[in-house]
């Protein structure tokens, strides 16, 4: 399945270059391994699409509402990191 999502110019550039190899999104839509994310560059200042588009195949998907590996105190203090592995 193809799924269209907006992405800002700064992230579009990093994805296009190959440096950014992950996405962090609110899990308010369904996504599974093998789907294709169609990332449309969105200009937030002018509130328009730029016309640039990338398509990326979805690999691994982690959906969670809570990670019990860490204490709430530590989560509030440090937050989370999303780390891409090569």
PDB file of N, CA and C in Angstrom:
ATOM      1  N   UNK A   1       0.838  -1.169   0.000  1.00  0.00           N
ATOM      2  CA  UNK A   1       0.000   0.000   0.000  1.00  0.00           C
ATOM      3  C   UNK A   1       0.891   1.243   0.000  1.00  0.00           C
ATOM      4  N   UNK A   2       0.458   2.283  -0.692  1.00  0.00           N
ATOM      5  CA  UNK A   2       1.157   3.567  -0.684  1.00  0.00           C
ATOM      6  C   UNK A   2       0.451   4.493   0.296  1.00  0.00           C
ATOM      7  N   UNK A   3       1.248   5.157   1.130  1.00  0.00           N
ATOM      8  CA  UNK A   3       0.735   6.056   2.155  1.00  0.00           C
ATOM      9  C   UNK A   3       1.421   7.405   1.989  1.00  0.00           C
ATOM     10  N   UNK A   4       0.631   8.454   1.781  1.00  0.00           N
ATOM     11  CA  UNK A   4       1.199   9.794   1.593  1.00  0.00           C
ATOM     12  C   UNK A   4       1.273  10.537   2.920  1.00  0.00           C
ATOM     13  N   UNK A   5       2.427  11.169   3.162  1.00  0.00           N
ATOM     14  CA  UNK A   5       2.637  11.973   4.361  1.00  0.00           C
ATOM     15  C   UNK A   5       3.437  13.218   4.000  1.00  0.00           C
ATOM     16  N   UNK A   6       3.207  14.291   4.758  1.00  0.00           N
ATOM     17  CA  UNK A   6       3.989  15.517   4.613  1.00  0.00           C
ATOM     18  C   UNK A   6       5.333  15.345   5.312  1.00  0.00           C
ATOM     19  N   UNK A   7       6.332  16.054   4.816  1.00  0.00           N
ATOM     20  CA  UNK A   7       7.597  16.165   5.534  1.00  0.00           C
ATOM     21  C   UNK A   7       8.167  17.556   5.271  1.00  0.00           C
ATOM     22  N   UNK A   8       8.807  18.107   6.268  1.00  0.00           N
ATOM     23  CA  UNK A   8       9.343  19.463   6.145  1.00  0.00           C
ATOM     24  C   UNK A   8      10.630  19.467   5.306  1.00  0.00           C
ATOM     25  N   UNK A   9      10.993  20.624   4.751  1.00  0.00           N
ATOM     26  CA  UNK A   9      12.190  20.698   3.909  1.00  0.00           C
ATOM     27  C   UNK A   9      13.458  20.171   4.586  1.00  0.00           C
ATOM     28  N   UNK A  10      13.644  20.469   5.878  1.00  0.00           N
ATOM     29  CA  UNK A  10      14.865  20.003   6.553  1.00  0.00           C
ATOM     30  C   UNK A  10      14.932  18.477   6.589  1.00  0.00           C
ATOM     31  N   UNK A  11      13.807  17.809   6.883  1.00  0.00           N
ATOM     32  CA  UNK A  11      13.807  16.349   6.925  1.00  0.00           C
ATOM     33  C   UNK A  11      13.821  15.759   5.522  1.00  0.00           C
ATOM     34  N   UNK A  12      13.144  16.401   4.574  1.00  0.00           N
ATOM     35  CA  UNK A  12      13.156  15.933   3.187  1.00  0.00           C
ATOM     36  C   UNK A  12      14.591  15.843   2.686  1.00  0.00           C
ATOM     37  N   UNK A  13      15.364  16.898   2.949  1.00  0.00           N
ATOM     38  CA  UNK A  13      16.769  16.956   2.513  1.00  0.00           C
ATOM     39  C   UNK A  13      17.581  15.805   3.120  1.00  0.00           C
ATOM     40  N   UNK A  14      17.388  15.554   4.420  1.00  0.00           N
ATOM     41  CA  UNK A  14      18.139  14.501   5.111  1.00  0.00           C
ATOM     42  C   UNK A  14      17.742  13.104   4.614  1.00  0.00           C
ATOM     43  N   UNK A  15      16.470  12.912   4.325  1.00  0.00           N
ATOM     44  CA  UNK A  15      16.005  11.620   3.797  1.00  0.00           C
ATOM     45  C   UNK A  15      16.547  11.419   2.384  1.00  0.00           C
ATOM     46  N   UNK A  16      16.442  12.453   1.569  1.00  0.00           N
ATOM     47  CA  UNK A  16      16.914  12.370   0.181  1.00  0.00           C
ATOM     48  C   UNK A  16      18.398  12.039   0.116  1.00  0.00           C
ATOM     49  N   UNK A  17      19.191  12.628   1.014  1.00  0.00           N
ATOM     50  CA  UNK A  17      20.639  12.391   1.010  1.00  0.00           C
ATOM     51  C   UNK A  17      21.001  10.993   1.527  1.00  0.00           C
ATOM     52  N   UNK A  18      20.045  10.345   2.194  1.00  0.00           N
ATOM     53  CA  UNK A  18      20.318   9.023   2.760  1.00  0.00           C
ATOM     54  C   UNK A  18      20.777   9.078   4.202  1.00  0.00           C
ATOM     55  N   UNK A  19      20.967  10.263   4.744  1.00  0.00           N
ATOM     56  CA  UNK A  19      21.429  10.400   6.130  1.00  0.00           C
ATOM     57  C   UNK A  19      20.342  10.001   7.132  1.00  0.00           C
ATOM     58  N   UNK A  20      19.098  10.416   6.879  1.00  0.00           N
ATOM     59  CA  UNK A  20      17.981  10.091   7.777  1.00  0.00           C
ATOM     60  C   UNK A  20      17.285   8.841   7.241  1.00  0.00           C
ATOM     61  N   UNK A  21      17.381   7.762   7.996  1.00  0.00           N
ATOM     62  CA  UNK A  21      16.851   6.466   7.537  1.00  0.00           C
ATOM     63  C   UNK A  21      15.750   5.947   8.453  1.00  0.00           C
ATOM     64  N   UNK A  22      15.004   6.860   9.049  1.00  0.00           N
ATOM     65  CA  UNK A  22      13.916   6.474   9.948  1.00  0.00           C
ATOM     66  C   UNK A  22      12.855   7.571   9.932  1.00  0.00           C
ATOM     67  N   UNK A  23      11.686   7.260  10.427  1.00  0.00           N
ATOM     68  CA  UNK A  23      10.617   8.236  10.610  1.00  0.00           C
ATOM     69  C   UNK A  23      10.042   8.039  11.995  1.00  0.00           C
ATOM     70  N   UNK A  24       9.674   9.107  12.645  1.00  0.00           N
ATOM     71  CA  UNK A  24       8.943   9.061  13.907  1.00  0.00           C
ATOM     72  C   UNK A  24       7.607   9.735  13.630  1.00  0.00           C
ATOM     73  N   UNK A  25       6.541   8.991  13.781  1.00  0.00           N
ATOM     74  CA  UNK A  25       5.211   9.508  13.471  1.00  0.00           C
ATOM     75  C   UNK A  25       4.228   9.095  14.551  1.00  0.00           C
ATOM     76  N   UNK A  26       3.209   9.912  14.738  1.00  0.00           N
ATOM     77  CA  UNK A  26       2.108   9.533  15.590  1.00  0.00           C
ATOM     78  C   UNK A  26       1.431   8.316  14.958  1.00  0.00           C
ATOM     79  N   UNK A  27       1.127   7.314  15.754  1.00  0.00           N
ATOM     80  CA  UNK A  27       0.562   6.061  15.227  1.00  0.00           C
ATOM     81  C   UNK A  27      -0.954   6.160  15.067  1.00  0.00           C
ATOM     82  N   UNK A  28      -1.416   7.212  14.413  1.00  0.00           N
ATOM     83  CA  UNK A  28      -2.850   7.403  14.190  1.00  0.00           C
ATOM     84  C   UNK A  28      -3.271   6.915  12.801  1.00  0.00           C
ATOM     85  N   UNK A  29      -2.424   6.088  12.187  1.00  0.00           N
ATOM     86  CA  UNK A  29      -2.706   5.492  10.881  1.00  0.00           C
ATOM     87  C   UNK A  29      -1.974   4.157  10.813  1.00  0.00           C
ATOM     88  N   UNK A  30      -2.420   3.287   9.934  1.00  0.00           N
ATOM     89  CA  UNK A  30      -1.831   1.950   9.838  1.00  0.00           C
ATOM     90  C   UNK A  30      -0.684   1.935   8.840  1.00  0.00           C
ATOM     91  N   UNK A  31       0.369   1.236   9.230  1.00  0.00           N
ATOM     92  CA  UNK A  31       1.566   1.118   8.404  1.00  0.00           C
ATOM     93  C   UNK A  31       2.180  -0.239   8.702  1.00  0.00           C
ATOM     94  N   UNK A  32       2.628  -0.932   7.659  1.00  0.00           N
ATOM     95  CA  UNK A  32       3.249  -2.235   7.891  1.00  0.00           C
ATOM     96  C   UNK A  32       4.454  -2.413   6.967  1.00  0.00           C
ATOM     97  N   UNK A  33       5.269  -3.378   7.326  1.00  0.00           N
ATOM     98  CA  UNK A  33       6.449  -3.700   6.526  1.00  0.00           C
ATOM     99  C   UNK A  33       6.033  -3.948   5.083  1.00  0.00           C
ATOM    100  N   UNK A  34       6.768  -3.350   4.158  1.00  0.00           N
ATOM    101  CA  UNK A  34       6.485  -3.524   2.734  1.00  0.00           C
ATOM    102  C   UNK A  34       5.667  -2.381   2.136  1.00  0.00           C
ATOM    103  N   UNK A  35       4.958  -1.608   2.970  1.00  0.00           N
ATOM    104  CA  UNK A  35       4.238  -0.443   2.463  1.00  0.00           C
ATOM    105  C   UNK A  35       5.242   0.561   1.909  1.00  0.00           C
ATOM    106  N   UNK A  36       4.747   1.518   1.151  1.00  0.00           N
ATOM    107  CA  UNK A  36       5.594   2.580   0.609  1.00  0.00           C
ATOM    108  C   UNK A  36       5.116   3.910   1.175  1.00  0.00           C
ATOM    109  N   UNK A  37       6.040   4.630   1.811  1.00  0.00           N
ATOM    110  CA  UNK A  37       5.736   5.981   2.273  1.00  0.00           C
ATOM    111  C   UNK A  37       6.054   6.946   1.139  1.00  0.00           C
ATOM    112  N   UNK A  38       5.060   7.697   0.742  1.00  0.00           N
ATOM    113  CA  UNK A  38       5.232   8.742  -0.254  1.00  0.00           C
ATOM    114  C   UNK A  38       5.357  10.030   0.549  1.00  0.00           C
ATOM    115  N   UNK A  39       6.569  10.539   0.616  1.00  0.00           N
ATOM    116  CA  UNK A  39       6.863  11.719   1.432  1.00  0.00           C
ATOM    117  C   UNK A  39       6.851  12.961   0.547  1.00  0.00           C
ATOM    118  N   UNK A  40       5.873  13.814   0.777  1.00  0.00           N
ATOM    119  CA  UNK A  40       5.705  15.039   0.000  1.00  0.00           C
ATOM    120  C   UNK A  40       6.241  16.214   0.811  1.00  0.00           C
ATOM    121  N   UNK A  41       7.196  16.928   0.222  1.00  0.00           N
ATOM    122  CA  UNK A  41       7.799  18.063   0.924  1.00  0.00           C
ATOM    123  C   UNK A  41       6.762  19.173   1.112  1.00  0.00           C
ATOM    124  N   UNK A  42       6.635  19.642   2.361  1.00  0.00           N
ATOM    125  CA  UNK A  42       5.666  20.663   2.737  1.00  0.00           C
ATOM    126  C   UNK A  42       6.396  21.897   3.249  1.00  0.00           C
ATOM    127  N   UNK A  43       6.086  23.036   2.686  1.00  0.00           N
ATOM    128  CA  UNK A  43       6.667  24.304   3.125  1.00  0.00           C
ATOM    129  C   UNK A  43       5.765  24.888   4.211  1.00  0.00           C
ATOM    130  N   UNK A  44       6.181  24.804   5.490  1.00  0.00           N
ATOM    131  CA  UNK A  44       5.315  25.268   6.570  1.00  0.00           C
ATOM    132  C   UNK A  44       5.122  26.787   6.610  1.00  0.00           C
ATOM    133  N   UNK A  45       6.070  27.531   6.076  1.00  0.00           N
ATOM    134  CA  UNK A  45       5.940  28.997   6.066  1.00  0.00           C
ATOM    135  C   UNK A  45       4.811  29.448   5.138  1.00  0.00           C
ATOM    136  N   UNK A  46       4.800  28.878   3.938  1.00  0.00           N
ATOM    137  CA  UNK A  46       3.808  29.263   2.933  1.00  0.00           C
ATOM    138  C   UNK A  46       2.592  28.335   2.904  1.00  0.00           C
ATOM    139  N   UNK A  47       2.674  27.268   3.690  1.00  0.00           N
ATOM    140  CA  UNK A  47       1.585  26.281   3.795  1.00  0.00           C
ATOM    141  C   UNK A  47       1.199  25.705   2.432  1.00  0.00           C
ATOM    142  N   UNK A  48       2.238  25.266   1.696  1.00  0.00           N
ATOM    143  CA  UNK A  48       2.020  24.641   0.379  1.00  0.00           C
ATOM    144  C   UNK A  48       3.016  23.497   0.189  1.00  0.00           C
ATOM    145  N   UNK A  49       2.648  22.553  -0.670  1.00  0.00           N
ATOM    146  CA  UNK A  49       3.585  21.514  -1.083  1.00  0.00           C
ATOM    147  C   UNK A  49       4.560  22.114  -2.092  1.00  0.00           C
ATOM    148  N   UNK A  50       5.816  21.681  -2.028  1.00  0.00           N
ATOM    149  CA  UNK A  50       6.836  22.221  -2.938  1.00  0.00           C
ATOM    150  C   UNK A  50       6.824  21.510  -4.287  1.00  0.00           C
ATOM    151  N   UNK A  51       6.233  20.330  -4.334  1.00  0.00           N
ATOM    152  CA  UNK A  51       6.239  19.539  -5.566  1.00  0.00           C
ATOM    153  C   UNK A  51       7.271  18.421  -5.533  1.00  0.00           C
ATOM    154  N   UNK A  52       8.175  18.463  -4.551  1.00  0.00           N
ATOM    155  CA  UNK A  52       9.188  17.404  -4.447  1.00  0.00           C
ATOM    156  C   UNK A  52       8.606  16.227  -3.661  1.00  0.00           C
ATOM    157  N   UNK A  53       8.889  15.021  -4.150  1.00  0.00           N
ATOM    158  CA  UNK A  53       8.325  13.806  -3.576  1.00  0.00           C
ATOM    159  C   UNK A  53       9.396  12.715  -3.506  1.00  0.00           C
ATOM    160  N   UNK A  54       9.400  11.972  -2.403  1.00  0.00           N
ATOM    161  CA  UNK A  54      10.259  10.790  -2.257  1.00  0.00           C
ATOM    162  C   UNK A  54       9.372   9.590  -1.946  1.00  0.00           C
ATOM    163  N   UNK A  55       9.748   8.425  -2.439  1.00  0.00           N
ATOM    164  CA  UNK A  55       9.074   7.187  -2.069  1.00  0.00           C
ATOM    165  C   UNK A  55      10.071   6.280  -1.369  1.00  0.00           C
ATOM    166  N   UNK A  56       9.696   5.799  -0.181  1.00  0.00           N
ATOM    167  CA  UNK A  56      10.566   4.928   0.608  1.00  0.00           C
ATOM    168  C   UNK A  56       9.780   3.708   1.078  1.00  0.00           C
ATOM    169  N   UNK A  57      10.356   2.533   0.886  1.00  0.00           N
ATOM    170  CA  UNK A  57       9.714   1.300   1.344  1.00  0.00           C
ATOM    171  C   UNK A  57       9.895   1.172   2.855  1.00  0.00           C
ATOM    172  N   UNK A  58       8.836   0.749   3.527  1.00  0.00           N
ATOM    173  CA  UNK A  58       8.842   0.575   4.973  1.00  0.00           C
ATOM    174  C   UNK A  58       9.525  -0.738   5.317  1.00  0.00           C
ATOM    175  N   UNK A  59      10.472  -0.677   6.253  1.00  0.00           N
ATOM    176  CA  UNK A  59      11.123  -1.877   6.772  1.00  0.00           C
ATOM    177  C   UNK A  59      10.450  -2.277   8.073  1.00  0.00           C
ATOM    178  N   UNK A  60      11.108  -2.071   9.152  1.00  0.00           N
ATOM    179  CA  UNK A  60      10.612  -2.437  10.473  1.00  0.00           C
ATOM    180  C   UNK A  60       9.696  -1.347  11.034  1.00  0.00           C
ATOM    181  N   UNK A  61       8.590  -1.754  11.667  1.00  0.00           N
ATOM    182  CA  UNK A  61       7.671  -0.807  12.304  1.00  0.00           C
ATOM    183  C   UNK A  61       7.532  -1.175  13.771  1.00  0.00           C
ATOM    184  N   UNK A  62       7.788  -0.237  14.641  1.00  0.00           N
ATOM    185  CA  UNK A  62       7.581  -0.415  16.083  1.00  0.00           C
ATOM    186  C   UNK A  62       6.461   0.511  16.499  1.00  0.00           C
ATOM    187  N   UNK A  63       5.370  -0.073  17.009  1.00  0.00           N
ATOM    188  CA  UNK A  63       4.258   0.731  17.527  1.00  0.00           C
ATOM    189  C   UNK A  63       4.165   0.468  19.016  1.00  0.00           C
ATOM    190  N   UNK A  64       4.053   1.523  19.786  1.00  0.00           N
ATOM    191  CA  UNK A  64       3.952   1.358  21.232  1.00  0.00           C
ATOM    192  C   UNK A  64       3.245   2.545  21.846  1.00  0.00           C
ATOM    193  N   UNK A  65       2.595   2.293  22.943  1.00  0.00           N
ATOM    194  CA  UNK A  65       2.014   3.382  23.723  1.00  0.00           C
ATOM    195  C   UNK A  65       2.851   3.611  24.957  1.00  0.00           C
ATOM    196  N   UNK A  66       3.643   2.592  25.302  1.00  0.00           N
ATOM    197  CA  UNK A  66       4.447   2.772  26.494  1.00  0.00           C
ATOM    198  C   UNK A  66       5.568   1.759  26.508  1.00  0.00           C
ATOM    199  N   UNK A  67       6.716   2.247  26.827  1.00  0.00           N
ATOM    200  CA  UNK A  67       7.898   1.400  26.932  1.00  0.00           C
ATOM    201  C   UNK A  67       8.209   1.216  28.404  1.00  0.00           C
ATOM    202  N   UNK A  68       8.060   0.017  28.899  1.00  0.00           N
ATOM    203  CA  UNK A  68       8.239  -0.235  30.324  1.00  0.00           C
ATOM    204  C   UNK A  68       9.695  -0.538  30.686  1.00  0.00           C
ATOM    205  N   UNK A  69      10.600  -0.278  29.757  1.00  0.00           N
ATOM    206  CA  UNK A  69      12.013  -0.512  30.030  1.00  0.00           C
ATOM    207  C   UNK A  69      12.587   0.552  30.954  1.00  0.00           C
ATOM    208  N   UNK A  70      11.922   1.716  31.005  1.00  0.00           N
ATOM    209  CA  UNK A  70      12.464   2.857  31.724  1.00  0.00           C
ATOM    210  C   UNK A  70      11.456   3.374  32.744  1.00  0.00           C
ATOM    211  N   UNK A  71      11.954   4.008  33.793  1.00  0.00           N
ATOM    212  CA  UNK A  71      11.054   4.591  34.791  1.00  0.00           C
ATOM    213  C   UNK A  71      10.437   5.875  34.241  1.00  0.00           C
ATOM    214  N   UNK A  72       9.246   6.244  34.747  1.00  0.00           N
ATOM    215  CA  UNK A  72       8.616   7.498  34.319  1.00  0.00           C
ATOM    216  C   UNK A  72       9.487   8.698  34.657  1.00  0.00           C
ATOM    217  N   UNK A  73      10.186   8.609  35.778  1.00  0.00           N
ATOM    218  CA  UNK A  73      11.077   9.691  36.191  1.00  0.00           C
ATOM    219  C   UNK A  73      12.171   9.919  35.135  1.00  0.00           C
ATOM    220  N   UNK A  74      12.790   8.816  34.673  1.00  0.00           N
ATOM    221  CA  UNK A  74      13.841   8.928  33.660  1.00  0.00           C
ATOM    222  C   UNK A  74      13.286   9.398  32.319  1.00  0.00           C
ATOM    223  N   UNK A  75      12.085   8.930  31.960  1.00  0.00           N
ATOM    224  CA  UNK A  75      11.472   9.364  30.699  1.00  0.00           C
ATOM    225  C   UNK A  75      11.227  10.867  30.731  1.00  0.00           C
ATOM    226  N   UNK A  76      10.680  11.364  31.841  1.00  0.00           N
ATOM    227  CA  UNK A  76      10.421  12.798  31.958  1.00  0.00           C
ATOM    228  C   UNK A  76      11.719  13.596  31.927  1.00  0.00           C
ATOM    229  N   UNK A  77      12.775  13.055  32.515  1.00  0.00           N
ATOM    230  CA  UNK A  77      14.058  13.757  32.573  1.00  0.00           C
ATOM    231  C   UNK A  77      14.775  13.759  31.223  1.00  0.00           C
ATOM    232  N   UNK A  78      14.810  12.585  30.546  1.00  0.00           N
ATOM    233  CA  UNK A  78      15.629  12.427  29.346  1.00  0.00           C
ATOM    234  C   UNK A  78      14.852  12.345  28.034  1.00  0.00           C
ATOM    235  N   UNK A  79      13.591  11.875  28.070  1.00  0.00           N
ATOM    236  CA  UNK A  79      12.844  11.628  26.838  1.00  0.00           C
ATOM    237  C   UNK A  79      13.358  10.381  26.142  1.00  0.00           C
ATOM    238  N   UNK A  80      12.985  10.218  24.881  1.00  0.00           N
ATOM    239  CA  UNK A  80      13.390   9.055  24.096  1.00  0.00           C
ATOM    240  C   UNK A  80      14.293   9.483  22.942  1.00  0.00           C
ATOM    241  N   UNK A  81      15.060   8.558  22.439  1.00  0.00           N
ATOM    242  CA  UNK A  81      15.817   8.724  21.185  1.00  0.00           C
ATOM    243  C   UNK A  81      15.347   7.629  20.232  1.00  0.00           C
ATOM    244  N   UNK A  82      15.288   7.946  18.974  1.00  0.00           N
ATOM    245  CA  UNK A  82      15.039   6.943  17.939  1.00  0.00           C
ATOM    246  C   UNK A  82      16.373   6.786  17.224  1.00  0.00           C
ATOM    247  N   UNK A  83      16.862   5.561  17.155  1.00  0.00           N
ATOM    248  CA  UNK A  83      18.193   5.323  16.595  1.00  0.00           C
ATOM    249  C   UNK A  83      18.068   4.408  15.386  1.00  0.00           C
ATOM    250  N   UNK A  84      18.579   4.832  14.262  1.00  0.00           N
ATOM    251  CA  UNK A  84      18.594   4.003  13.069  1.00  0.00           C
ATOM    252  C   UNK A  84      19.860   3.150  13.068  1.00  0.00           C
ATOM    253  N   UNK A  85      19.728   1.921  12.669  1.00  0.00           N
ATOM    254  CA  UNK A  85      20.873   1.008  12.595  1.00  0.00           C
ATOM    255  C   UNK A  85      21.188   0.707  11.131  1.00  0.00           C
ATOM    256  N   UNK A  86      22.466   0.632  10.805  1.00  0.00           N
ATOM    257  CA  UNK A  86      22.869   0.334   9.416  1.00  0.00           C
ATOM    258  C   UNK A  86      23.548  -1.002   9.375  1.00  0.00           C
TER     259      UNK A  86
END
